[in-house]
């Protein structure tokens, strides 16, 4: 039985999985809206909400924490442009909109985006 195991593996090793998630998060914050599979979007949502909550503080420690996972360019955009828009919002900053299945392999596709206030 699989108990107390969190997260999805995506048929990848740990390093590949971390790189995939890091790339998804960076692209998501850069474009503020991406199209991906449902399982990747659900995983992305967990990390994006945590990073955005951390960015709302805006202090030096938060910037250093975010820079461990994201590039400097993305961290700057997240803290200076995106986080102030959600300062008053307690949570629920991302939205997943379901699309149809992908044509070639039938994977469930979604659009994940930042909620506009």
Protein backbone atom coordinates (compact mmCIF):
# COMPACT_ATOMS: atom_id res chain seq x y z
CA UNK A 1 0.00 0.00 0.00
CA UNK A 2 1.12 3.52 -0.81
CA UNK A 3 0.74 5.60 2.30
CA UNK A 4 1.85 9.11 3.18
CA UNK A 5 3.58 9.62 -0.14
CA UNK A 6 2.94 13.00 -1.66
CA UNK A 7 3.45 14.27 -5.15
CA UNK A 8 3.60 12.84 -8.63
CA UNK A 9 6.59 11.15 -10.24
CA UNK A 10 5.87 11.79 -13.95
CA UNK A 11 7.99 8.70 -14.85
CA UNK A 12 11.17 10.68 -14.16
CA UNK A 13 14.09 10.50 -11.78
CA UNK A 14 14.26 12.98 -8.93
CA UNK A 15 16.60 15.40 -10.72
CA UNK A 16 14.53 15.35 -13.90
CA UNK A 17 11.33 15.86 -11.90
CA UNK A 18 12.77 18.84 -10.02
CA UNK A 19 14.00 20.38 -13.28
CA UNK A 20 10.57 19.89 -14.85
CA UNK A 21 8.78 21.57 -11.95
CA UNK A 22 11.32 24.41 -11.80
CA UNK A 23 10.90 25.02 -15.52
CA UNK A 24 7.11 24.97 -15.26
CA UNK A 25 7.11 27.42 -12.34
CA UNK A 26 9.48 29.83 -14.09
CA UNK A 27 7.50 29.75 -17.33
CA UNK A 28 4.25 30.17 -15.40
CA UNK A 29 5.42 33.29 -13.57
CA UNK A 30 7.01 34.71 -16.72
CA UNK A 31 3.87 34.33 -18.87
CA UNK A 32 1.29 34.26 -16.03
CA UNK A 33 -0.69 31.66 -18.00
CA UNK A 34 0.37 28.33 -19.54
CA UNK A 35 -1.22 25.31 -21.17
CA UNK A 36 -0.12 21.94 -19.80
CA UNK A 37 -1.43 18.57 -18.67
CA UNK A 38 -3.75 18.34 -15.69
CA UNK A 39 -1.36 16.45 -13.41
CA UNK A 40 1.51 18.85 -14.13
CA UNK A 41 -0.80 21.81 -13.49
CA UNK A 42 -1.91 20.42 -10.13
CA UNK A 43 1.70 19.94 -9.07
CA UNK A 44 2.62 23.38 -10.40
CA UNK A 45 -0.22 24.97 -8.43
CA UNK A 46 1.23 23.73 -5.12
CA UNK A 47 4.62 25.32 -5.77
CA UNK A 48 3.31 28.49 -7.39
CA UNK A 49 1.01 29.28 -4.46
CA UNK A 50 3.83 28.70 -1.96
CA UNK A 51 6.27 30.89 -3.88
CA UNK A 52 3.71 33.65 -4.33
CA UNK A 53 2.87 33.63 -0.62
CA UNK A 54 6.57 33.91 0.16
CA UNK A 55 6.99 36.73 -2.37
CA UNK A 56 4.20 38.73 -0.73
CA UNK A 57 6.48 39.35 2.26
CA UNK A 58 8.95 41.08 -0.04
CA UNK A 59 11.83 41.12 2.44
CA UNK A 60 15.42 40.14 1.73
CA UNK A 61 15.09 36.68 3.27
CA UNK A 62 12.14 35.91 0.99
CA UNK A 63 14.04 37.07 -2.08
CA UNK A 64 17.01 34.88 -1.15
CA UNK A 65 14.71 31.90 -0.55
CA UNK A 66 13.05 32.35 -3.95
CA UNK A 67 16.40 32.77 -5.70
CA UNK A 68 17.37 29.28 -4.51
CA UNK A 69 14.63 27.85 -6.74
CA UNK A 70 14.01 30.48 -9.42
CA UNK A 71 16.22 32.67 -11.58
CA UNK A 72 16.95 36.25 -10.52
CA UNK A 73 14.87 37.64 -13.38
CA UNK A 74 11.80 35.60 -12.38
CA UNK A 75 12.29 36.36 -8.67
CA UNK A 76 12.42 40.09 -9.41
CA UNK A 77 9.25 39.96 -11.49
CA UNK A 78 7.48 37.84 -8.87
CA UNK A 79 8.34 40.08 -5.92
CA UNK A 80 8.08 43.49 -7.64
CA UNK A 81 5.20 43.03 -10.10
CA UNK A 82 3.08 39.95 -9.34
CA UNK A 83 3.05 39.75 -5.52
CA UNK A 84 1.76 43.33 -4.89
CA UNK A 85 -1.36 42.53 -6.95
CA UNK A 86 -2.26 39.76 -4.48
CA UNK A 87 -1.23 41.53 -1.25
CA UNK A 88 -4.78 41.59 0.13
CA UNK A 89 -5.75 38.12 -1.13
CA UNK A 90 -5.38 35.31 1.41
CA UNK A 91 -4.99 32.50 -1.11
CA UNK A 92 -6.41 31.01 -4.26
CA UNK A 93 -4.21 32.98 -6.61
CA UNK A 94 -4.17 30.38 -9.39
CA UNK A 95 -6.97 28.97 -11.50
CA UNK A 96 -7.08 25.73 -13.50
CA UNK A 97 -9.40 25.71 -16.52
CA UNK A 98 -9.98 22.28 -18.04
CA UNK A 99 -9.76 21.84 -21.80
CA UNK A 100 -10.41 18.74 -23.86
CA UNK A 101 -8.02 15.83 -24.30
CA UNK A 102 -4.87 16.25 -26.40
CA UNK A 103 -5.33 14.86 -29.90
CA UNK A 104 -2.31 12.60 -30.24
CA UNK A 105 -2.25 10.81 -26.86
CA UNK A 106 -5.51 11.82 -25.17
CA UNK A 107 -3.86 13.48 -22.16
CA UNK A 108 -6.14 15.80 -20.18
CA UNK A 109 -5.10 19.36 -21.01
CA UNK A 110 -5.70 22.47 -18.88
CA UNK A 111 -4.82 26.13 -18.77
CA UNK A 112 -3.39 27.33 -15.47
CA UNK A 113 -3.36 31.08 -14.89
CA UNK A 114 -3.06 33.71 -12.21
CA UNK A 115 -6.43 35.03 -11.04
CA UNK A 116 -7.02 38.64 -12.07
CA UNK A 117 -8.16 40.87 -9.20
